[in-house]
Amino acid sequence: MNFQGDLMNDKSIGKWYVNGDTLLIKYDSIKQRYNGDVRYKIVGNKLKNLPVSRAQYKKLIDSLKILGYGDTIKKLKVLKSYRNFSKASGQVMTDHRGTIKRQYLKLTKTTICK
């Protein structure tokens, strides 16, 4: 995956698989922007982040409280409720102005290493 921004450009390498309506990308790179496994839900011709369960949200909030971020939870609208959090987690990253939420993925080159 090649990330291009106004001031940066970096590339992460890996393999992708489609399983039903889910796209799984397994990145080989360790010190790049993208690493590990990332899953997207395929909806029409768009990719959406997979929804977060209520149990995962509760676990995150409990962890933040244990680490002493209780005040931050109260201040941030996105963390105040599961509904706000799940709605925001289904979005992709915004541009530098915080407005455009588009992400385009395409296969550009296949490299086989032996």
N, C-alpha and C. Protein backbone atom coordinates (compact mmCIF):
# COMPACT_ATOMS: atom_id res chain seq x y z
N MET A 1 0.85 -1.16 0.00
CA MET A 1 0.00 0.00 0.00
C MET A 1 0.90 1.23 0.00
N ASN A 2 0.62 2.11 -0.89
CA ASN A 2 1.39 3.34 -0.98
C ASN A 2 0.56 4.47 -0.39
N PHE A 3 1.04 5.08 0.68
CA PHE A 3 0.35 6.21 1.30
C PHE A 3 0.96 7.49 0.75
N GLN A 4 0.12 8.31 0.14
CA GLN A 4 0.59 9.58 -0.39
C GLN A 4 -0.14 10.71 0.28
N GLY A 5 0.61 11.64 0.84
CA GLY A 5 0.03 12.82 1.46
C GLY A 5 0.70 14.05 0.90
N ASP A 6 0.38 15.20 1.46
CA ASP A 6 0.98 16.45 1.00
C ASP A 6 2.48 16.48 1.24
N LEU A 7 2.91 15.98 2.41
CA LEU A 7 4.32 16.09 2.78
C LEU A 7 5.02 14.74 2.91
N MET A 8 4.33 13.67 2.62
CA MET A 8 4.98 12.37 2.80
C MET A 8 4.48 11.35 1.79
N ASN A 9 5.27 10.32 1.63
CA ASN A 9 4.94 9.23 0.73
C ASN A 9 5.68 8.00 1.24
N ASP A 10 4.95 6.97 1.65
CA ASP A 10 5.63 5.75 2.07
C ASP A 10 4.88 4.53 1.57
N LYS A 11 5.59 3.42 1.51
CA LYS A 11 5.06 2.20 0.92
C LYS A 11 5.17 1.05 1.90
N SER A 12 4.08 0.29 2.03
CA SER A 12 4.07 -0.93 2.83
C SER A 12 3.74 -2.08 1.90
N ILE A 13 4.39 -3.23 2.12
CA ILE A 13 4.27 -4.36 1.21
C ILE A 13 3.63 -5.53 1.95
N GLY A 14 2.77 -6.27 1.24
CA GLY A 14 2.13 -7.43 1.83
C GLY A 14 1.30 -8.18 0.82
N LYS A 15 0.42 -9.03 1.32
CA LYS A 15 -0.46 -9.82 0.47
C LYS A 15 -1.90 -9.55 0.88
N TRP A 16 -2.82 -9.70 -0.08
CA TRP A 16 -4.22 -9.50 0.23
C TRP A 16 -5.05 -10.71 -0.19
N TYR A 17 -6.13 -10.93 0.54
CA TYR A 17 -7.03 -12.06 0.30
C TYR A 17 -8.46 -11.56 0.43
N VAL A 18 -9.36 -12.14 -0.35
CA VAL A 18 -10.78 -11.83 -0.24
C VAL A 18 -11.48 -13.08 0.28
N ASN A 19 -12.25 -12.91 1.35
CA ASN A 19 -13.02 -14.01 1.93
C ASN A 19 -14.46 -13.53 2.05
N GLY A 20 -15.30 -13.90 1.09
CA GLY A 20 -16.69 -13.44 1.09
C GLY A 20 -16.75 -11.93 0.87
N ASP A 21 -17.25 -11.20 1.87
CA ASP A 21 -17.33 -9.74 1.75
C ASP A 21 -16.26 -9.04 2.57
N THR A 22 -15.18 -9.76 2.91
CA THR A 22 -14.10 -9.19 3.71
C THR A 22 -12.78 -9.23 2.95
N LEU A 23 -12.09 -8.11 2.94
CA LEU A 23 -10.75 -8.02 2.37
C LEU A 23 -9.75 -8.05 3.51
N LEU A 24 -8.82 -8.98 3.47
CA LEU A 24 -7.77 -9.10 4.49
C LEU A 24 -6.45 -8.75 3.84
N ILE A 25 -5.74 -7.78 4.44
CA ILE A 25 -4.42 -7.40 3.96
C ILE A 25 -3.42 -7.77 5.04
N LYS A 26 -2.42 -8.59 4.69
CA LYS A 26 -1.36 -9.00 5.63
C LYS A 26 -0.08 -8.30 5.19
N TYR A 27 0.36 -7.34 5.97
CA TYR A 27 1.55 -6.57 5.64
C TYR A 27 2.80 -7.27 6.13
N ASP A 28 3.83 -7.30 5.27
CA ASP A 28 5.12 -7.90 5.61
C ASP A 28 6.02 -6.88 6.29
N SER A 29 5.78 -5.62 6.06
CA SER A 29 6.66 -4.57 6.58
C SER A 29 6.42 -4.37 8.07
N ILE A 30 7.49 -4.04 8.79
CA ILE A 30 7.41 -3.86 10.23
C ILE A 30 7.48 -2.38 10.60
N LYS A 31 8.39 -1.64 9.99
CA LYS A 31 8.62 -0.26 10.37
C LYS A 31 7.94 0.74 9.44
N GLN A 32 6.91 0.33 8.76
CA GLN A 32 6.22 1.21 7.84
C GLN A 32 4.91 1.70 8.47
N ARG A 33 4.20 2.54 7.75
CA ARG A 33 2.91 3.07 8.22
C ARG A 33 1.93 1.94 8.50
N TYR A 34 1.85 0.97 7.60
CA TYR A 34 0.92 -0.14 7.76
C TYR A 34 1.70 -1.40 8.11
N ASN A 35 1.25 -2.12 9.14
CA ASN A 35 1.88 -3.39 9.48
C ASN A 35 0.84 -4.31 10.12
N GLY A 36 1.15 -5.59 10.17
CA GLY A 36 0.20 -6.56 10.72
C GLY A 36 -0.92 -6.87 9.76
N ASP A 37 -2.08 -7.21 10.31
CA ASP A 37 -3.25 -7.57 9.50
C ASP A 37 -4.29 -6.47 9.59
N VAL A 38 -4.88 -6.13 8.45
CA VAL A 38 -5.96 -5.14 8.41
C VAL A 38 -7.12 -5.76 7.66
N ARG A 39 -8.33 -5.58 8.16
CA ARG A 39 -9.53 -6.13 7.53
C ARG A 39 -10.48 -5.00 7.16
N TYR A 40 -11.07 -5.12 5.99
CA TYR A 40 -12.08 -4.18 5.52
C TYR A 40 -13.29 -4.96 5.06
N LYS A 41 -14.47 -4.40 5.23
CA LYS A 41 -15.69 -4.98 4.69
C LYS A 41 -15.91 -4.38 3.31
N ILE A 42 -16.20 -5.23 2.31
CA ILE A 42 -16.44 -4.77 0.95
C ILE A 42 -17.95 -4.52 0.81
N VAL A 43 -18.31 -3.27 0.55
CA VAL A 43 -19.70 -2.88 0.37
C VAL A 43 -19.80 -2.23 -1.01
N GLY A 44 -20.37 -2.94 -1.97
CA GLY A 44 -20.42 -2.44 -3.34
C GLY A 44 -19.00 -2.33 -3.88
N ASN A 45 -18.60 -1.13 -4.28
CA ASN A 45 -17.23 -0.92 -4.74
C ASN A 45 -16.42 -0.11 -3.73
N LYS A 46 -16.86 -0.10 -2.45
CA LYS A 46 -16.18 0.65 -1.40
C LYS A 46 -15.68 -0.28 -0.32
N LEU A 47 -14.67 0.18 0.41
CA LEU A 47 -14.15 -0.55 1.56
C LEU A 47 -14.53 0.20 2.83
N LYS A 48 -15.01 -0.52 3.83
CA LYS A 48 -15.36 0.10 5.11
C LYS A 48 -14.64 -0.64 6.21
N ASN A 49 -14.26 0.08 7.25
CA ASN A 49 -13.66 -0.56 8.40
C ASN A 49 -14.69 -1.46 9.06
N LEU A 50 -14.25 -2.58 9.60
CA LEU A 50 -15.17 -3.50 10.25
C LEU A 50 -15.71 -2.86 11.54
N PRO A 51 -16.98 -3.10 11.84
CA PRO A 51 -17.55 -2.49 13.05
C PRO A 51 -16.92 -3.04 14.32
N VAL A 52 -16.97 -2.23 15.36
CA VAL A 52 -16.43 -2.60 16.66
C VAL A 52 -17.59 -3.10 17.53
N SER A 53 -17.40 -4.22 18.19
CA SER A 53 -18.47 -4.76 19.03
C SER A 53 -18.57 -3.96 20.33
N ARG A 54 -19.73 -4.08 21.00
CA ARG A 54 -19.94 -3.40 22.28
C ARG A 54 -18.92 -3.88 23.32
N ALA A 55 -18.62 -5.18 23.29
CA ALA A 55 -17.64 -5.73 24.24
C ALA A 55 -16.25 -5.14 24.01
N GLN A 56 -15.85 -4.97 22.74
CA GLN A 56 -14.55 -4.37 22.44
C GLN A 56 -14.52 -2.91 22.89
N TYR A 57 -15.63 -2.19 22.68
CA TYR A 57 -15.71 -0.79 23.12
C TYR A 57 -15.59 -0.70 24.63
N LYS A 58 -16.31 -1.55 25.35
CA LYS A 58 -16.26 -1.53 26.82
C LYS A 58 -14.85 -1.85 27.31
N LYS A 59 -14.19 -2.80 26.67
CA LYS A 59 -12.83 -3.17 27.06
C LYS A 59 -11.88 -1.98 26.85
N LEU A 60 -12.04 -1.26 25.73
CA LEU A 60 -11.21 -0.08 25.46
C LEU A 60 -11.43 1.00 26.51
N ILE A 61 -12.70 1.30 26.83
CA ILE A 61 -13.02 2.34 27.82
C ILE A 61 -12.48 1.95 29.18
N ASP A 62 -12.65 0.69 29.57
CA ASP A 62 -12.13 0.23 30.87
C ASP A 62 -10.61 0.36 30.93
N SER A 63 -9.93 0.02 29.82
CA SER A 63 -8.46 0.15 29.77
C SER A 63 -8.03 1.60 29.89
N LEU A 64 -8.75 2.49 29.22
CA LEU A 64 -8.42 3.92 29.30
C LEU A 64 -8.62 4.46 30.71
N LYS A 65 -9.68 4.00 31.38
CA LYS A 65 -9.93 4.44 32.76
C LYS A 65 -8.82 3.95 33.69
N ILE A 66 -8.38 2.71 33.51
CA ILE A 66 -7.30 2.16 34.34
C ILE A 66 -6.01 2.95 34.14
N LEU A 67 -5.77 3.39 32.89
CA LEU A 67 -4.56 4.17 32.60
C LEU A 67 -4.68 5.63 33.01
N GLY A 68 -5.85 6.04 33.54
CA GLY A 68 -6.01 7.40 34.03
C GLY A 68 -6.52 8.40 33.02
N TYR A 69 -7.20 7.93 31.98
CA TYR A 69 -7.72 8.84 30.95
C TYR A 69 -9.22 9.06 31.08
N GLY A 70 -9.76 8.99 32.29
CA GLY A 70 -11.19 9.18 32.51
C GLY A 70 -11.68 10.55 32.06
N ASP A 71 -10.89 11.60 32.32
CA ASP A 71 -11.27 12.96 31.90
C ASP A 71 -11.30 13.08 30.38
N THR A 72 -10.37 12.43 29.71
CA THR A 72 -10.33 12.47 28.24
C THR A 72 -11.57 11.82 27.65
N ILE A 73 -12.03 10.74 28.25
CA ILE A 73 -13.23 10.05 27.77
C ILE A 73 -14.43 10.98 27.84
N LYS A 74 -14.52 11.75 28.91
CA LYS A 74 -15.64 12.68 29.08
C LYS A 74 -15.58 13.83 28.09
N LYS A 75 -14.38 14.26 27.70
CA LYS A 75 -14.21 15.41 26.81
C LYS A 75 -14.41 15.07 25.34
N LEU A 76 -13.99 13.88 24.92
CA LEU A 76 -14.06 13.51 23.51
C LEU A 76 -15.43 12.95 23.16
N LYS A 77 -16.10 13.60 22.22
CA LYS A 77 -17.44 13.18 21.81
C LYS A 77 -17.45 11.76 21.27
N VAL A 78 -16.40 11.38 20.56
CA VAL A 78 -16.35 10.07 19.92
C VAL A 78 -16.28 8.93 20.96
N LEU A 79 -15.77 9.20 22.16
CA LEU A 79 -15.65 8.16 23.18
C LEU A 79 -16.80 8.14 24.16
N LYS A 80 -17.70 9.12 24.10
CA LYS A 80 -18.77 9.22 25.10
C LYS A 80 -19.77 8.08 25.05
N SER A 81 -20.02 7.54 23.87
CA SER A 81 -21.00 6.44 23.78
C SER A 81 -20.56 5.44 22.73
N TYR A 82 -21.08 4.23 22.84
CA TYR A 82 -20.77 3.18 21.86
C TYR A 82 -21.26 3.59 20.48
N ARG A 83 -22.42 4.24 20.42
CA ARG A 83 -22.99 4.67 19.14
C ARG A 83 -22.04 5.63 18.42
N ASN A 84 -21.54 6.64 19.12
CA ASN A 84 -20.61 7.60 18.53
C ASN A 84 -19.32 6.91 18.08
N PHE A 85 -18.83 6.01 18.93
CA PHE A 85 -17.56 5.34 18.63
C PHE A 85 -17.70 4.42 17.42
N SER A 86 -18.77 3.63 17.35
CA SER A 86 -18.93 2.70 16.23
C SER A 86 -19.17 3.46 14.93
N LYS A 87 -19.86 4.59 15.00
CA LYS A 87 -20.08 5.40 13.80
C LYS A 87 -18.75 5.96 13.28
N ALA A 88 -17.92 6.44 14.19
CA ALA A 88 -16.62 7.02 13.80
C ALA A 88 -15.63 5.94 13.36
N SER A 89 -15.71 4.76 13.95
CA SER A 89 -14.75 3.71 13.60
C SER A 89 -15.02 3.13 12.22
N GLY A 90 -16.19 3.37 11.65
CA GLY A 90 -16.50 2.89 10.31
C GLY A 90 -15.99 3.81 9.22
N GLN A 91 -15.41 4.93 9.60
CA GLN A 91 -14.90 5.90 8.64
C GLN A 91 -13.42 5.66 8.37
N VAL A 92 -12.96 6.09 7.22
CA VAL A 92 -11.53 6.04 6.93
C VAL A 92 -10.91 7.36 7.31
N MET A 93 -9.59 7.46 7.25
CA MET A 93 -8.89 8.67 7.66
C MET A 93 -9.28 9.86 6.79
N THR A 94 -9.24 11.05 7.37
CA THR A 94 -9.54 12.27 6.63
C THR A 94 -8.26 12.87 6.08
N ASP A 95 -8.41 13.84 5.18
CA ASP A 95 -7.24 14.54 4.65
C ASP A 95 -6.77 15.59 5.66
N HIS A 96 -5.78 16.37 5.29
CA HIS A 96 -5.18 17.33 6.23
C HIS A 96 -6.15 18.42 6.67
N ARG A 97 -7.23 18.64 5.91
CA ARG A 97 -8.24 19.62 6.30
C ARG A 97 -9.35 18.98 7.13
N GLY A 98 -9.34 17.66 7.22
CA GLY A 98 -10.35 16.95 7.99
C GLY A 98 -11.67 16.81 7.28
N THR A 99 -11.67 16.91 5.95
CA THR A 99 -12.94 16.89 5.24
C THR A 99 -13.13 15.65 4.36
N ILE A 100 -12.20 15.33 3.51
CA ILE A 100 -12.40 14.25 2.54
C ILE A 100 -12.08 12.91 3.21
N LYS A 101 -13.01 11.97 3.10
CA LYS A 101 -12.81 10.66 3.70
C LYS A 101 -12.84 9.62 2.60
N ARG A 102 -11.83 9.62 1.77
CA ARG A 102 -11.76 8.67 0.66
C ARG A 102 -10.48 7.88 0.74
N GLN A 103 -10.58 6.63 0.41
CA GLN A 103 -9.41 5.77 0.38
C GLN A 103 -9.55 4.89 -0.84
N TYR A 104 -8.53 4.89 -1.69
CA TYR A 104 -8.56 4.11 -2.90
C TYR A 104 -7.50 3.02 -2.82
N LEU A 105 -7.88 1.80 -3.09
CA LEU A 105 -6.94 0.69 -3.09
C LEU A 105 -6.97 0.05 -4.47
N LYS A 106 -5.79 -0.18 -5.03
CA LYS A 106 -5.71 -0.89 -6.30
C LYS A 106 -4.41 -1.68 -6.35
N LEU A 107 -4.43 -2.81 -7.04
CA LEU A 107 -3.24 -3.63 -7.23
C LEU A 107 -2.42 -2.99 -8.32
N THR A 108 -1.20 -2.60 -8.00
CA THR A 108 -0.35 -1.91 -8.99
C THR A 108 0.73 -2.81 -9.52
N LYS A 109 1.25 -3.72 -8.71
CA LYS A 109 2.35 -4.56 -9.15
C LYS A 109 2.42 -5.80 -8.28
N THR A 110 2.66 -6.93 -8.87
CA THR A 110 2.84 -8.17 -8.14
C THR A 110 4.30 -8.56 -8.20
N THR A 111 4.90 -8.76 -7.03
CA THR A 111 6.30 -9.16 -6.97
C THR A 111 6.40 -10.52 -6.28
N ILE A 112 7.07 -11.46 -6.92
CA ILE A 112 7.26 -12.78 -6.33
C ILE A 112 8.74 -12.92 -5.97
N CYS A 113 9.00 -13.10 -4.69
CA CYS A 113 10.38 -13.25 -4.21
C CYS A 113 10.68 -14.73 -3.99
N LYS A 114 11.86 -15.14 -4.43
CA LYS A 114 12.25 -16.54 -4.25
C LYS A 114 13.51 -16.64 -3.43
